Protein backbone atom coordinates (compact mmCIF):
# COMPACT_ATOMS: atom_id res chain seq x y z
CA UNK A 1 -9.04 3.53 -51.87
CA UNK A 2 -11.95 1.95 -50.00
CA UNK A 3 -13.53 4.48 -47.67
CA UNK A 4 -12.87 3.90 -44.01
CA UNK A 5 -9.72 1.76 -44.24
CA UNK A 6 -7.51 4.25 -42.41
CA UNK A 7 -10.14 4.67 -39.71
CA UNK A 8 -10.38 0.89 -39.48
CA UNK A 9 -6.69 0.67 -38.64
CA UNK A 10 -7.11 3.45 -36.08
CA UNK A 11 -10.14 1.67 -34.62
CA UNK A 12 -8.13 -1.49 -34.15
CA UNK A 13 -5.34 0.41 -32.39
CA UNK A 14 -7.90 1.92 -30.04
CA UNK A 15 -9.47 -1.50 -29.45
CA UNK A 16 -6.10 -3.10 -28.71
CA UNK A 17 -5.22 -0.50 -26.10
CA UNK A 18 -8.73 -0.61 -24.71
CA UNK A 19 -8.64 -4.40 -24.37
CA UNK A 20 -5.27 -4.27 -22.62
CA UNK A 21 -6.40 -1.62 -20.14
CA UNK A 22 -9.76 -3.29 -19.49
CA UNK A 23 -7.97 -6.56 -18.79
CA UNK A 24 -5.68 -4.80 -16.31
CA UNK A 25 -8.68 -3.09 -14.72
CA UNK A 26 -10.52 -6.40 -14.38
CA UNK A 27 -7.48 -7.94 -12.69
CA UNK A 28 -7.27 -5.29 -9.95
CA UNK A 29 -9.75 -6.96 -7.56
CA UNK A 30 -7.81 -10.23 -7.72
CA UNK A 31 -4.55 -8.39 -7.08
CA UNK A 32 -6.11 -6.67 -4.07
CA UNK A 33 -7.36 -10.02 -2.80
CA UNK A 34 -3.90 -11.53 -3.25
CA UNK A 35 -2.38 -8.79 -1.09
CA UNK A 36 -5.06 -9.27 1.55
CA UNK A 37 -4.52 -13.04 1.45
CA UNK A 38 -0.77 -12.59 1.96
CA UNK A 39 -1.40 -10.39 4.98
CA UNK A 40 -3.98 -12.81 6.37
CA UNK A 41 -1.58 -15.73 5.91
CA UNK A 42 1.16 -13.84 7.74
CA UNK A 43 -1.22 -13.00 10.57
CA UNK A 44 -2.41 -16.60 10.79
CA UNK A 45 1.18 -17.81 10.99
CA UNK A 46 1.91 -15.31 13.76
CA UNK A 47 -1.16 -16.49 15.68
CA UNK A 48 -0.05 -20.11 15.26
CA UNK A 49 3.47 -19.35 16.46
CA UNK A 50 2.14 -17.49 19.48
CA UNK A 51 -0.18 -20.37 20.28
CA UNK A 52 2.73 -22.83 19.97
CA UNK A 53 4.77 -20.61 22.30
CA UNK A 54 1.95 -20.55 24.85
CA UNK A 55 1.64 -24.33 24.61
CA UNK A 56 5.39 -24.77 25.21
CA UNK A 57 5.26 -22.42 28.21
CA UNK A 58 2.26 -24.31 29.57
CA UNK A 59 4.14 -27.61 29.11
CA UNK A 60 7.12 -26.25 31.02
CA UNK A 61 4.94 -25.09 33.93
CA UNK A 62 3.10 -28.40 33.97
CA UNK A 63 6.36 -30.36 33.95
CA UNK A 64 7.79 -28.16 36.73
CA UNK A 65 4.68 -28.81 38.80
CA UNK A 66 5.04 -32.55 38.28
CA UNK A 67 8.72 -32.29 39.17
CA UNK A 68 7.92 -30.64 42.48
CA UNK A 69 5.35 -33.33 43.22
CA UNK A 70 7.81 -36.12 42.39
CA UNK A 71 10.57 -34.52 44.48
CA UNK A 72 8.16 -34.22 47.39
CA UNK A 73 7.18 -37.86 46.92
CA UNK A 74 10.83 -38.96 46.96
CA UNK A 75 11.50 -36.92 50.08
CA UNK A 76 8.48 -38.48 51.77
CA UNK A 77 9.48 -42.01 50.74
CA UNK A 78 13.06 -41.49 51.88
CA UNK A 79 11.75 -40.31 55.24
CA UNK A 80 9.95 -43.64 55.62
CA UNK A 81 13.11 -45.74 55.26
CA UNK A 82 13.68 -45.94 59.02
CA UNK A 83 10.06 -46.72 59.76
CA UNK A 84 9.69 -49.99 57.85
CA UNK A 85 9.78 -53.21 59.93
CA UNK A 86 10.62 -55.91 57.39
CA UNK A 87 13.09 -56.48 54.57
CA UNK A 88 10.22 -56.98 52.15
CA UNK A 89 8.70 -53.64 53.06
CA UNK A 90 12.10 -52.00 52.79
CA UNK A 91 12.66 -53.49 49.32
CA UNK A 92 9.23 -52.28 48.22
CA UNK A 93 10.00 -48.83 49.53
CA UNK A 94 13.31 -48.67 47.65
CA UNK A 95 11.53 -49.73 44.48
CA UNK A 96 9.01 -46.91 44.94
CA UNK A 97 11.84 -44.44 45.50
CA UNK A 98 13.54 -45.58 42.27
CA UNK A 99 10.31 -45.18 40.34
CA UNK A 100 9.82 -41.70 41.78
CA UNK A 101 13.38 -40.73 40.83
CA UNK A 102 12.81 -42.04 37.29
CA UNK A 103 9.71 -39.86 37.17
CA UNK A 104 11.84 -36.90 38.29
CA UNK A 105 14.27 -37.61 35.46
CA UNK A 106 11.38 -37.73 33.01
CA UNK A 107 10.06 -34.40 34.29
CA UNK A 108 13.48 -32.81 33.95
CA UNK A 109 13.67 -34.07 30.35
CA UNK A 110 10.23 -32.63 29.63
CA UNK A 111 11.29 -29.30 31.13
CA UNK A 112 14.43 -29.14 28.96
CA UNK A 113 12.44 -30.04 25.85
CA UNK A 114 9.85 -27.38 26.71
CA UNK A 115 12.59 -24.78 27.22
CA UNK A 116 14.08 -25.63 23.83
CA UNK A 117 10.62 -25.39 22.26
CA UNK A 118 10.04 -22.03 23.95
CA UNK A 119 13.31 -20.69 22.55
CA UNK A 120 12.48 -21.93 19.05
CA UNK A 121 8.90 -20.69 19.15
CA UNK A 122 10.02 -17.30 20.51
CA UNK A 123 12.37 -16.85 17.55
CA UNK A 124 9.67 -18.01 15.16
CA UNK A 125 7.15 -15.62 16.70
CA UNK A 126 9.57 -12.69 16.32
CA UNK A 127 10.13 -13.63 12.67
CA UNK A 128 6.37 -13.96 12.15
CA UNK A 129 5.80 -10.53 13.71
CA UNK A 130 8.31 -9.05 11.27
CA UNK A 131 6.59 -10.84 8.38
CA UNK A 132 3.23 -9.41 9.46
CA UNK A 133 4.62 -5.87 9.55
CA UNK A 134 6.11 -6.32 6.08
CA UNK A 135 2.83 -7.76 4.76
CA UNK A 136 0.82 -4.93 6.31
CA UNK A 137 3.13 -2.29 4.81
CA UNK A 138 3.03 -4.01 1.43
CA UNK A 139 -0.75 -4.28 1.60
CA UNK A 140 -1.18 -0.62 2.52
CA UNK A 141 1.20 0.54 -0.22
CA UNK A 142 -0.40 -1.84 -2.70
CA UNK A 143 -3.93 -0.67 -1.97
CA UNK A 144 -2.83 2.93 -2.40
CA UNK A 145 -1.09 2.14 -5.69
CA UNK A 146 -4.12 0.20 -6.92
CA UNK A 147 -6.43 3.09 -6.08
CA UNK A 148 -4.27 5.48 -8.08
CA UNK A 149 -3.97 3.04 -10.98
CA UNK A 150 -7.70 2.38 -10.96
CA UNK A 151 -8.43 6.10 -11.29
CA UNK A 152 -5.90 6.33 -14.13
CA UNK A 153 -7.45 3.34 -15.89
CA UNK A 154 -10.99 4.65 -15.44
CA UNK A 155 -9.99 7.96 -17.03
CA UNK A 156 -8.07 6.40 -19.91
CA UNK A 157 -10.69 3.74 -20.63
CA UNK A 158 -13.42 6.38 -20.65
CA UNK A 159 -11.42 8.51 -23.10
CA UNK A 160 -10.71 5.52 -25.34
CA UNK A 161 -14.36 4.52 -25.43
CA UNK A 162 -15.28 8.02 -26.54
CA UNK A 163 -12.49 7.92 -29.10
CA UNK A 164 -13.69 4.54 -30.35
CA UNK A 165 -17.21 5.84 -30.84
CA UNK A 166 -15.90 8.80 -32.81
CA UNK A 167 -13.60 6.70 -34.99
CA UNK A 168 -16.20 4.03 -35.65
CA UNK A 169 -18.72 6.63 -36.73
CA UNK A 170 -16.40 7.51 -39.64
CA UNK A 171 -16.33 3.95 -40.94
CA UNK A 172 -19.03 2.69 -43.33
CA UNK A 173 -21.54 0.58 -41.45
CA UNK A 174 -20.97 -2.64 -43.37
CA UNK A 175 -17.20 -2.46 -42.86
CA UNK A 176 -17.56 -1.63 -39.17
CA UNK A 177 -19.95 -4.54 -38.67
CA UNK A 178 -17.60 -6.88 -40.55
CA UNK A 179 -14.75 -5.76 -38.33
CA UNK A 180 -16.85 -6.32 -35.19
CA UNK A 181 -17.81 -9.85 -36.28
CA UNK A 182 -14.21 -10.81 -36.92
CA UNK A 183 -12.91 -9.14 -33.77
CA UNK A 184 -15.28 -11.17 -31.59
CA UNK A 185 -13.68 -14.39 -32.89
CA UNK A 186 -10.02 -13.49 -33.33
CA UNK A 187 -7.61 -10.64 -32.83
CA UNK A 188 -6.19 -8.79 -34.58
CA UNK A 189 -9.13 -8.53 -36.94
CA UNK A 190 -7.12 -6.44 -39.39
CA UNK A 191 -3.62 -7.35 -40.56
CA UNK A 192 -1.31 -5.33 -42.75
CA UNK A 193 0.79 -7.34 -45.21
CA UNK A 194 3.52 -6.63 -47.73
CA UNK A 195 3.93 -10.15 -49.10
CA UNK A 196 1.57 -12.86 -50.33
CA UNK A 197 1.21 -14.32 -46.86
CA UNK A 198 -1.52 -13.58 -44.31
CA UNK A 199 0.15 -12.08 -41.26
CA UNK A 200 -2.63 -13.51 -39.11
CA UNK A 201 -2.66 -17.21 -39.97
CA UNK A 202 0.55 -17.43 -42.08
CA UNK A 203 -1.25 -18.96 -45.07
CA UNK A 204 -0.36 -17.99 -48.66
CA UNK A 205 -2.67 -15.49 -50.32
CA UNK A 206 -3.79 -16.47 -53.84
CA UNK A 207 -2.18 -14.28 -56.56
CA UNK A 208 -5.51 -12.86 -57.75
CA UNK A 209 -6.51 -11.97 -54.20
CA UNK A 210 -3.15 -10.31 -53.68
CA UNK A 211 -3.65 -8.24 -56.85
CA UNK A 212 -7.07 -7.10 -55.61
CA UNK A 213 -5.54 -6.30 -52.27
CA UNK A 214 -2.88 -4.08 -53.83
CA UNK A 215 -5.49 -2.19 -55.82
CA UNK A 216 -7.20 -1.19 -52.56
CA UNK A 217 -10.54 -0.94 -54.31
CA UNK A 218 -12.50 -3.19 -52.00
CA UNK A 219 -12.32 -5.00 -48.68
CA UNK A 220 -10.32 -8.20 -48.99
CA UNK A 221 -10.39 -10.94 -46.36
CA UNK A 222 -8.13 -13.94 -45.86
CA UNK A 223 -9.74 -17.06 -47.25
CA UNK A 224 -8.63 -19.10 -44.25
CA UNK A 225 -8.90 -16.94 -41.09
CA UNK A 226 -11.30 -14.33 -42.53
CA UNK A 227 -9.23 -11.43 -41.20
CA UNK A 228 -9.41 -8.17 -43.10
CA UNK A 229 -6.26 -7.73 -45.14
CA UNK A 230 -4.64 -4.36 -45.77
CA UNK A 231 -1.81 -3.89 -48.18
CA UNK A 232 1.08 -2.06 -46.52
CA UNK A 233 3.41 -1.71 -49.45
CA UNK A 234 4.17 1.36 -51.53
């Protein structure tokens, strides 16, 4: 058997696990940012709901102030009814009173609408406060979990890198370099087969190549995808 084939399979197993863990490790910052973004979004929504509530309360106070002014105006105009001297002046005064009463009705409508908005915004603010608490708890728990997982990944990745160095040192240089060249382009770089089909690209292996592969006397690569082929039969 060609020297280093067993170690080559072991090297690939180490590389596969290493790649998976390094990918997870690289994704941790984005996952942290996602948690922080969720919390920030919840806090922004709460701030917006509180601002909307304040605006509704301000609208109610403003409308109530206008209502008092309009009521005072109506009272003043009504007090002038017995002071006018002509029918024309009296008609004008009644028209002003009607306009003032219409304004009162408008103020009352604005007050009711503001009260409804206050009720809705109050409920929304309470819901937003709850959402912020949930997001904060999730963010805290997530950061803690990520810290633990990061330490676990650092330890495992470090051990795998040492293991990889040790395994690769037992593989002949030309085979190790061939493996590295293939692995940079496609994975897996090594495929084990039991039939005359490449398990990597699913292309038929020529009969003569398959015979050489079964002899295990030299490194055999797929003619199409260039992966290293290992015979896995008896």
